[in-house]
Amino acid sequence: MAAEITIQLSQRLAERYQEAPVELQKKAQLLLDIFLNELESSPRSLTVIMDEISENAQKRGLTPAILETLLEVRPAMKSPGYRTAPDKSG
């Protein structure tokens, strides 16, 4: 079951998230969920956790280009012709 929370972000990042297509918002939510779960369940340092999350994401196919796309919403994404990569989870 999902619950809604409020977090503080820079104005720029908040606007980019709000302008992102729903699919990218869901991916960002998943990344945050993974990060917070790891942080909560581990006595390891934040740096070690972040390194492990990065390694796991790369093993699952997250490339720097894909990450950049998730973090940087461009105006072209709002255009009718914009398409994201097909969802491979399903």
PDB file of N, CA and C in Angstrom:
ATOM      1  N   MET A   1       0.842  -1.180   0.000  1.00  0.00           N
ATOM      2  CA  MET A   1       0.000   0.000   0.000  1.00  0.00           C
ATOM      3  C   MET A   1       0.886   1.241   0.000  1.00  0.00           C
ATOM      4  N   ALA A   2       0.575   2.175  -0.839  1.00  0.00           N
ATOM      5  CA  ALA A   2       1.359   3.402  -0.950  1.00  0.00           C
ATOM      6  C   ALA A   2       0.768   4.490  -0.070  1.00  0.00           C
ATOM      7  N   ALA A   3       1.632   5.345   0.414  1.00  0.00           N
ATOM      8  CA  ALA A   3       1.218   6.500   1.198  1.00  0.00           C
ATOM      9  C   ALA A   3       1.874   7.734   0.594  1.00  0.00           C
ATOM     10  N   GLU A   4       1.236   8.852   0.736  1.00  0.00           N
ATOM     11  CA  GLU A   4       1.761  10.091   0.192  1.00  0.00           C
ATOM     12  C   GLU A   4       2.528  10.847   1.266  1.00  0.00           C
ATOM     13  N   ILE A   5       3.696  11.407   0.872  1.00  0.00           N
ATOM     14  CA  ILE A   5       4.488  12.226   1.778  1.00  0.00           C
ATOM     15  C   ILE A   5       4.826  13.535   1.070  1.00  0.00           C
ATOM     16  N   THR A   6       5.310  14.484   1.817  1.00  0.00           N
ATOM     17  CA  THR A   6       5.767  15.751   1.255  1.00  0.00           C
ATOM     18  C   THR A   6       7.236  15.905   1.593  1.00  0.00           C
ATOM     19  N   ILE A   7       8.051  16.225   0.583  1.00  0.00           N
ATOM     20  CA  ILE A   7       9.475  16.446   0.805  1.00  0.00           C
ATOM     21  C   ILE A   7       9.859  17.801   0.228  1.00  0.00           C
ATOM     22  N   GLN A   8      10.894  18.397   0.798  1.00  0.00           N
ATOM     23  CA  GLN A   8      11.388  19.676   0.321  1.00  0.00           C
ATOM     24  C   GLN A   8      12.402  19.446  -0.791  1.00  0.00           C
ATOM     25  N   LEU A   9      12.207  20.121  -1.920  1.00  0.00           N
ATOM     26  CA  LEU A   9      13.119  20.062  -3.057  1.00  0.00           C
ATOM     27  C   LEU A   9      13.393  21.484  -3.527  1.00  0.00           C
ATOM     28  N   SER A  10      14.408  21.623  -4.343  1.00  0.00           N
ATOM     29  CA  SER A  10      14.625  22.935  -4.952  1.00  0.00           C
ATOM     30  C   SER A  10      13.430  23.243  -5.851  1.00  0.00           C
ATOM     31  N   GLN A  11      13.170  24.510  -6.053  1.00  0.00           N
ATOM     32  CA  GLN A  11      12.052  24.932  -6.904  1.00  0.00           C
ATOM     33  C   GLN A  11      12.201  24.343  -8.299  1.00  0.00           C
ATOM     34  N   ARG A  12      13.431  24.379  -8.830  1.00  0.00           N
ATOM     35  CA  ARG A  12      13.694  23.861 -10.169  1.00  0.00           C
ATOM     36  C   ARG A  12      13.362  22.381 -10.275  1.00  0.00           C
ATOM     37  N   LEU A  13      13.814  21.598  -9.306  1.00  0.00           N
ATOM     38  CA  LEU A  13      13.566  20.163  -9.342  1.00  0.00           C
ATOM     39  C   LEU A  13      12.082  19.848  -9.155  1.00  0.00           C
ATOM     40  N   ALA A  14      11.431  20.572  -8.273  1.00  0.00           N
ATOM     41  CA  ALA A  14       9.995  20.365  -8.055  1.00  0.00           C
ATOM     42  C   ALA A  14       9.207  20.639  -9.338  1.00  0.00           C
ATOM     43  N   GLU A  15       9.561  21.705 -10.027  1.00  0.00           N
ATOM     44  CA  GLU A  15       8.867  22.036 -11.280  1.00  0.00           C
ATOM     45  C   GLU A  15       9.118  20.970 -12.338  1.00  0.00           C
ATOM     46  N   ARG A  16      10.342  20.498 -12.432  1.00  0.00           N
ATOM     47  CA  ARG A  16      10.654  19.460 -13.421  1.00  0.00           C
ATOM     48  C   ARG A  16       9.883  18.179 -13.133  1.00  0.00           C
ATOM     49  N   TYR A  17       9.788  17.826 -11.864  1.00  0.00           N
ATOM     50  CA  TYR A  17       9.029  16.627 -11.498  1.00  0.00           C
ATOM     51  C   TYR A  17       7.559  16.798 -11.871  1.00  0.00           C
ATOM     52  N   GLN A  18       6.988  17.937 -11.531  1.00  0.00           N
ATOM     53  CA  GLN A  18       5.569  18.183 -11.799  1.00  0.00           C
ATOM     54  C   GLN A  18       5.265  18.234 -13.294  1.00  0.00           C
ATOM     55  N   GLU A  19       6.235  18.663 -14.091  1.00  0.00           N
ATOM     56  CA  GLU A  19       6.045  18.750 -15.538  1.00  0.00           C
ATOM     57  C   GLU A  19       6.338  17.429 -16.249  1.00  0.00           C
ATOM     58  N   ALA A  20       6.957  16.499 -15.561  1.00  0.00           N
ATOM     59  CA  ALA A  20       7.339  15.229 -16.173  1.00  0.00           C
ATOM     60  C   ALA A  20       6.116  14.383 -16.495  1.00  0.00           C
ATOM     61  N   PRO A  21       6.219  13.563 -17.534  1.00  0.00           N
ATOM     62  CA  PRO A  21       5.139  12.609 -17.823  1.00  0.00           C
ATOM     63  C   PRO A  21       4.958  11.657 -16.632  1.00  0.00           C
ATOM     64  N   VAL A  22       3.772  11.148 -16.482  1.00  0.00           N
ATOM     65  CA  VAL A  22       3.444  10.264 -15.366  1.00  0.00           C
ATOM     66  C   VAL A  22       4.410   9.087 -15.280  1.00  0.00           C
ATOM     67  N   GLU A  23       4.812   8.541 -16.420  1.00  0.00           N
ATOM     68  CA  GLU A  23       5.729   7.393 -16.429  1.00  0.00           C
ATOM     69  C   GLU A  23       7.059   7.756 -15.760  1.00  0.00           C
ATOM     70  N   LEU A  24       7.579   8.941 -16.053  1.00  0.00           N
ATOM     71  CA  LEU A  24       8.836   9.368 -15.430  1.00  0.00           C
ATOM     72  C   LEU A  24       8.636   9.668 -13.945  1.00  0.00           C
ATOM     73  N   GLN A  25       7.485  10.209 -13.584  1.00  0.00           N
ATOM     74  CA  GLN A  25       7.203  10.454 -12.172  1.00  0.00           C
ATOM     75  C   GLN A  25       7.190   9.138 -11.401  1.00  0.00           C
ATOM     76  N   LYS A  26       6.594   8.108 -11.978  1.00  0.00           N
ATOM     77  CA  LYS A  26       6.548   6.800 -11.320  1.00  0.00           C
ATOM     78  C   LYS A  26       7.952   6.215 -11.158  1.00  0.00           C
ATOM     79  N   LYS A  27       8.807   6.401 -12.162  1.00  0.00           N
ATOM     80  CA  LYS A  27      10.180   5.911 -12.065  1.00  0.00           C
ATOM     81  C   LYS A  27      10.939   6.648 -10.966  1.00  0.00           C
ATOM     82  N   ALA A  28      10.734   7.960 -10.877  1.00  0.00           N
ATOM     83  CA  ALA A  28      11.387   8.745  -9.829  1.00  0.00           C
ATOM     84  C   ALA A  28      10.893   8.300  -8.454  1.00  0.00           C
ATOM     85  N   GLN A  29       9.610   8.019  -8.331  1.00  0.00           N
ATOM     86  CA  GLN A  29       9.051   7.537  -7.072  1.00  0.00           C
ATOM     87  C   GLN A  29       9.661   6.197  -6.694  1.00  0.00           C
ATOM     88  N   LEU A  30       9.839   5.328  -7.674  1.00  0.00           N
ATOM     89  CA  LEU A  30      10.438   4.019  -7.421  1.00  0.00           C
ATOM     90  C   LEU A  30      11.881   4.165  -6.944  1.00  0.00           C
ATOM     91  N   LEU A  31      12.646   5.045  -7.601  1.00  0.00           N
ATOM     92  CA  LEU A  31      14.028   5.270  -7.173  1.00  0.00           C
ATOM     93  C   LEU A  31      14.086   5.797  -5.742  1.00  0.00           C
ATOM     94  N   LEU A  32      13.206   6.724  -5.412  1.00  0.00           N
ATOM     95  CA  LEU A  32      13.167   7.269  -4.057  1.00  0.00           C
ATOM     96  C   LEU A  32      12.755   6.192  -3.058  1.00  0.00           C
ATOM     97  N   ASP A  33      11.803   5.360  -3.419  1.00  0.00           N
ATOM     98  CA  ASP A  33      11.356   4.271  -2.553  1.00  0.00           C
ATOM     99  C   ASP A  33      12.503   3.313  -2.259  1.00  0.00           C
ATOM    100  N   ILE A  34      13.242   2.932  -3.309  1.00  0.00           N
ATOM    101  CA  ILE A  34      14.390   2.035  -3.133  1.00  0.00           C
ATOM    102  C   ILE A  34      15.426   2.682  -2.222  1.00  0.00           C
ATOM    103  N   PHE A  35      15.728   3.931  -2.489  1.00  0.00           N
ATOM    104  CA  PHE A  35      16.724   4.657  -1.702  1.00  0.00           C
ATOM    105  C   PHE A  35      16.323   4.720  -0.230  1.00  0.00           C
ATOM    106  N   LEU A  36      15.083   5.100   0.054  1.00  0.00           N
ATOM    107  CA  LEU A  36      14.644   5.224   1.449  1.00  0.00           C
ATOM    108  C   LEU A  36      14.575   3.872   2.153  1.00  0.00           C
ATOM    109  N   ASN A  37      14.188   2.827   1.440  1.00  0.00           N
ATOM    110  CA  ASN A  37      14.170   1.489   2.032  1.00  0.00           C
ATOM    111  C   ASN A  37      15.575   1.051   2.419  1.00  0.00           C
ATOM    112  N   GLU A  38      16.533   1.289   1.535  1.00  0.00           N
ATOM    113  CA  GLU A  38      17.920   0.936   1.831  1.00  0.00           C
ATOM    114  C   GLU A  38      18.450   1.750   3.010  1.00  0.00           C
ATOM    115  N   LEU A  39      18.144   3.012   3.027  1.00  0.00           N
ATOM    116  CA  LEU A  39      18.615   3.895   4.083  1.00  0.00           C
ATOM    117  C   LEU A  39      18.056   3.475   5.441  1.00  0.00           C
ATOM    118  N   GLU A  40      16.789   3.119   5.452  1.00  0.00           N
ATOM    119  CA  GLU A  40      16.110   2.738   6.696  1.00  0.00           C
ATOM    120  C   GLU A  40      16.597   1.397   7.244  1.00  0.00           C
ATOM    121  N   SER A  41      16.872   0.464   6.367  1.00  0.00           N
ATOM    122  CA  SER A  41      17.149  -0.905   6.803  1.00  0.00           C
ATOM    123  C   SER A  41      18.629  -1.224   6.973  1.00  0.00           C
ATOM    124  N   SER A  42      19.481  -0.235   6.891  1.00  0.00           N
ATOM    125  CA  SER A  42      20.897  -0.540   6.907  1.00  0.00           C
ATOM    126  C   SER A  42      21.679   0.364   7.853  1.00  0.00           C
ATOM    127  N   PRO A  43      22.601  -0.224   8.613  1.00  0.00           N
ATOM    128  CA  PRO A  43      23.467   0.588   9.465  1.00  0.00           C
ATOM    129  C   PRO A  43      24.656   1.172   8.696  1.00  0.00           C
ATOM    130  N   ARG A  44      24.765   0.835   7.392  1.00  0.00           N
ATOM    131  CA  ARG A  44      25.878   1.321   6.579  1.00  0.00           C
ATOM    132  C   ARG A  44      25.772   2.824   6.353  1.00  0.00           C
ATOM    133  N   SER A  45      26.878   3.412   5.962  1.00  0.00           N
ATOM    134  CA  SER A  45      26.886   4.848   5.712  1.00  0.00           C
ATOM    135  C   SER A  45      26.066   5.178   4.471  1.00  0.00           C
ATOM    136  N   LEU A  46      25.635   6.408   4.402  1.00  0.00           N
ATOM    137  CA  LEU A  46      24.849   6.865   3.259  1.00  0.00           C
ATOM    138  C   LEU A  46      25.633   6.700   1.953  1.00  0.00           C
ATOM    139  N   THR A  47      26.904   6.979   1.974  1.00  0.00           N
ATOM    140  CA  THR A  47      27.737   6.853   0.775  1.00  0.00           C
ATOM    141  C   THR A  47      27.779   5.408   0.284  1.00  0.00           C
ATOM    142  N   VAL A  48      27.940   4.467   1.204  1.00  0.00           N
ATOM    143  CA  VAL A  48      27.969   3.048   0.828  1.00  0.00           C
ATOM    144  C   VAL A  48      26.620   2.641   0.246  1.00  0.00           C
ATOM    145  N   ILE A  49      25.552   3.069   0.874  1.00  0.00           N
ATOM    146  CA  ILE A  49      24.204   2.743   0.381  1.00  0.00           C
ATOM    147  C   ILE A  49      23.992   3.311  -1.011  1.00  0.00           C
ATOM    148  N   MET A  50      24.382   4.557  -1.220  1.00  0.00           N
ATOM    149  CA  MET A  50      24.220   5.185  -2.528  1.00  0.00           C
ATOM    150  C   MET A  50      25.039   4.457  -3.594  1.00  0.00           C
ATOM    151  N   ASP A  51      26.243   4.028  -3.243  1.00  0.00           N
ATOM    152  CA  ASP A  51      27.072   3.270  -4.187  1.00  0.00           C
ATOM    153  C   ASP A  51      26.403   1.952  -4.553  1.00  0.00           C
ATOM    154  N   GLU A  52      25.842   1.267  -3.563  1.00  0.00           N
ATOM    155  CA  GLU A  52      25.181  -0.016  -3.821  1.00  0.00           C
ATOM    156  C   GLU A  52      23.930   0.178  -4.678  1.00  0.00           C
ATOM    157  N   ILE A  53      23.160   1.216  -4.401  1.00  0.00           N
ATOM    158  CA  ILE A  53      21.969   1.495  -5.201  1.00  0.00           C
ATOM    159  C   ILE A  53      22.378   1.784  -6.642  1.00  0.00           C
ATOM    160  N   SER A  54      23.449   2.550  -6.807  1.00  0.00           N
ATOM    161  CA  SER A  54      23.948   2.855  -8.146  1.00  0.00           C
ATOM    162  C   SER A  54      24.365   1.587  -8.882  1.00  0.00           C
ATOM    163  N   GLU A  55      25.098   0.734  -8.212  1.00  0.00           N
ATOM    164  CA  GLU A  55      25.530  -0.523  -8.830  1.00  0.00           C
ATOM    165  C   GLU A  55      24.333  -1.383  -9.214  1.00  0.00           C
ATOM    166  N   ASN A  56      23.353  -1.501  -8.320  1.00  0.00           N
ATOM    167  CA  ASN A  56      22.160  -2.303  -8.612  1.00  0.00           C
ATOM    168  C   ASN A  56      21.370  -1.707  -9.769  1.00  0.00           C
ATOM    169  N   ALA A  57      21.253  -0.393  -9.803  1.00  0.00           N
ATOM    170  CA  ALA A  57      20.526   0.261 -10.900  1.00  0.00           C
ATOM    171  C   ALA A  57      21.223   0.008 -12.233  1.00  0.00           C
ATOM    172  N   GLN A  58      22.547   0.070 -12.241  1.00  0.00           N
ATOM    173  CA  GLN A  58      23.298  -0.192 -13.470  1.00  0.00           C
ATOM    174  C   GLN A  58      23.130  -1.636 -13.913  1.00  0.00           C
ATOM    175  N   LYS A  59      23.115  -2.564 -12.974  1.00  0.00           N
ATOM    176  CA  LYS A  59      22.907  -3.977 -13.309  1.00  0.00           C
ATOM    177  C   LYS A  59      21.534  -4.196 -13.925  1.00  0.00           C
ATOM    178  N   ARG A  60      20.569  -3.370 -13.521  1.00  0.00           N
ATOM    179  CA  ARG A  60      19.194  -3.482 -14.030  1.00  0.00           C
ATOM    180  C   ARG A  60      18.974  -2.668 -15.298  1.00  0.00           C
ATOM    181  N   GLY A  61      20.042  -2.039 -15.797  1.00  0.00           N
ATOM    182  CA  GLY A  61      19.940  -1.340 -17.075  1.00  0.00           C
ATOM    183  C   GLY A  61      19.832   0.171 -17.004  1.00  0.00           C
ATOM    184  N   LEU A  62      19.932   0.753 -15.828  1.00  0.00           N
ATOM    185  CA  LEU A  62      19.877   2.209 -15.731  1.00  0.00           C
ATOM    186  C   LEU A  62      21.218   2.774 -16.180  1.00  0.00           C
ATOM    187  N   THR A  63      21.190   3.496 -17.262  1.00  0.00           N
ATOM    188  CA  THR A  63      22.404   4.102 -17.797  1.00  0.00           C
ATOM    189  C   THR A  63      22.451   5.573 -17.400  1.00  0.00           C
ATOM    190  N   PRO A  64      23.617   6.206 -17.503  1.00  0.00           N
ATOM    191  CA  PRO A  64      23.678   7.641 -17.231  1.00  0.00           C
ATOM    192  C   PRO A  64      22.701   8.433 -18.106  1.00  0.00           C
ATOM    193  N   ALA A  65      22.514   8.008 -19.347  1.00  0.00           N
ATOM    194  CA  ALA A  65      21.588   8.702 -20.247  1.00  0.00           C
ATOM    195  C   ALA A  65      20.145   8.596 -19.749  1.00  0.00           C
ATOM    196  N   ILE A  66      19.754   7.416 -19.297  1.00  0.00           N
ATOM    197  CA  ILE A  66      18.404   7.235 -18.772  1.00  0.00           C
ATOM    198  C   ILE A  66      18.218   8.053 -17.504  1.00  0.00           C
ATOM    199  N   LEU A  67      19.216   8.033 -16.628  1.00  0.00           N
ATOM    200  CA  LEU A  67      19.144   8.816 -15.397  1.00  0.00           C
ATOM    201  C   LEU A  67      19.013  10.296 -15.716  1.00  0.00           C
ATOM    202  N   GLU A  68      19.772  10.769 -16.680  1.00  0.00           N
ATOM    203  CA  GLU A  68      19.682  12.175 -17.089  1.00  0.00           C
ATOM    204  C   GLU A  68      18.278  12.499 -17.568  1.00  0.00           C
ATOM    205  N   THR A  69      17.677  11.581 -18.312  1.00  0.00           N
ATOM    206  CA  THR A  69      16.317  11.785 -18.788  1.00  0.00           C
ATOM    207  C   THR A  69      15.347  11.873 -17.618  1.00  0.00           C
ATOM    208  N   LEU A  70      15.541  11.037 -16.617  1.00  0.00           N
ATOM    209  CA  LEU A  70      14.667  11.070 -15.448  1.00  0.00           C
ATOM    210  C   LEU A  70      14.808  12.376 -14.670  1.00  0.00           C
ATOM    211  N   LEU A  71      16.012  12.903 -14.623  1.00  0.00           N
ATOM    212  CA  LEU A  71      16.280  14.087 -13.817  1.00  0.00           C
ATOM    213  C   LEU A  71      16.070  15.387 -14.562  1.00  0.00           C
ATOM    214  N   GLU A  72      16.069  15.340 -15.872  1.00  0.00           N
ATOM    215  CA  GLU A  72      15.957  16.564 -16.655  1.00  0.00           C
ATOM    216  C   GLU A  72      14.760  16.496 -17.580  1.00  0.00           C
ATOM    217  N   VAL A  73      13.701  17.188 -17.219  1.00  0.00           N
ATOM    218  CA  VAL A  73      12.504  17.218 -18.046  1.00  0.00           C
ATOM    219  C   VAL A  73      12.659  18.353 -19.052  1.00  0.00           C
ATOM    220  N   ARG A  74      12.607  18.008 -20.300  1.00  0.00           N
ATOM    221  CA  ARG A  74      12.753  19.001 -21.357  1.00  0.00           C
ATOM    222  C   ARG A  74      11.381  19.366 -21.904  1.00  0.00           C
ATOM    223  N   PRO A  75      11.227  20.582 -22.444  1.00  0.00           N
ATOM    224  CA  PRO A  75       9.936  20.981 -23.018  1.00  0.00           C
ATOM    225  C   PRO A  75       9.447  20.029 -24.099  1.00  0.00           C
ATOM    226  N   ALA A  76      10.353  19.381 -24.811  1.00  0.00           N
ATOM    227  CA  ALA A  76       9.939  18.453 -25.873  1.00  0.00           C
ATOM    228  C   ALA A  76       9.106  17.306 -25.320  1.00  0.00           C
ATOM    229  N   MET A  77       9.285  16.985 -24.046  1.00  0.00           N
ATOM    230  CA  MET A  77       8.537  15.876 -23.452  1.00  0.00           C
ATOM    231  C   MET A  77       7.046  16.170 -23.400  1.00  0.00           C
ATOM    232  N   LYS A  78       6.680  17.425 -23.465  1.00  0.00           N
ATOM    233  CA  LYS A  78       5.272  17.783 -23.409  1.00  0.00           C
ATOM    234  C   LYS A  78       4.623  17.731 -24.790  1.00  0.00           C
ATOM    235  N   SER A  79       5.434  17.613 -25.829  1.00  0.00           N
ATOM    236  CA  SER A  79       4.888  17.633 -27.178  1.00  0.00           C
ATOM    237  C   SER A  79       4.167  16.318 -27.481  1.00  0.00           C
ATOM    238  N   PRO A  80       3.157  16.378 -28.354  1.00  0.00           N
ATOM    239  CA  PRO A  80       2.366  15.172 -28.670  1.00  0.00           C
ATOM    240  C   PRO A  80       3.188  14.031 -29.248  1.00  0.00           C
ATOM    241  N   GLY A  81       4.309  14.326 -29.921  1.00  0.00           N
ATOM    242  CA  GLY A  81       5.098  13.271 -30.540  1.00  0.00           C
ATOM    243  C   GLY A  81       6.098  12.608 -29.617  1.00  0.00           C
ATOM    244  N   TYR A  82       6.209  13.081 -28.378  1.00  0.00           N
ATOM    245  CA  TYR A  82       7.198  12.514 -27.452  1.00  0.00           C
ATOM    246  C   TYR A  82       6.768  11.140 -27.002  1.00  0.00           C
ATOM    247  N   ARG A  83       7.711  10.170 -27.086  1.00  0.00           N
ATOM    248  CA  ARG A  83       7.438   8.827 -26.601  1.00  0.00           C
ATOM    249  C   ARG A  83       8.602   8.386 -25.731  1.00  0.00           C
ATOM    250  N   THR A  84       8.278   7.684 -24.642  1.00  0.00           N
ATOM    251  CA  THR A  84       9.313   7.133 -23.781  1.00  0.00           C
ATOM    252  C   THR A  84       9.593   5.701 -24.196  1.00  0.00           C
ATOM    253  N   ALA A  85      10.644   5.145 -23.673  1.00  0.00           N
ATOM    254  CA  ALA A  85      10.991   3.750 -23.965  1.00  0.00           C
ATOM    255  C   ALA A  85       9.901   2.837 -23.413  1.00  0.00           C
ATOM    256  N   PRO A  86       9.631   1.723 -24.067  1.00  0.00           N
ATOM    257  CA  PRO A  86       8.613   0.794 -23.578  1.00  0.00           C
ATOM    258  C   PRO A  86       8.965   0.258 -22.205  1.00  0.00           C
ATOM    259  N   ASP A  87       7.940   0.009 -21.409  1.00  0.00           N
ATOM    260  CA  ASP A  87       8.120  -0.535 -20.069  1.00  0.00           C
ATOM    261  C   ASP A  87       8.503  -2.007 -20.190  1.00  0.00           C
ATOM    262  N   LYS A  88       9.685  -2.370 -19.658  1.00  0.00           N
ATOM    263  CA  LYS A  88      10.181  -3.752 -19.759  1.00  0.00           C
ATOM    264  C   LYS A  88       9.772  -4.602 -18.563  1.00  0.00           C
ATOM    265  N   SER A  89       9.043  -4.020 -17.614  1.00  0.00           N
ATOM    266  CA  SER A  89       8.705  -4.756 -16.392  1.00  0.00           C
ATOM    267  C   SER A  89       7.563  -5.740 -16.596  1.00  0.00           C
ATOM    268  N   GLY A  90       6.798  -5.553 -17.626  1.00  0.00           N
ATOM    269  CA  GLY A  90       5.630  -6.281 -17.662  1.00  0.00           C
ATOM    270  C   GLY A  90       5.228  -7.279 -18.558  1.00  0.00           C
TER     271      GLY A  90
END
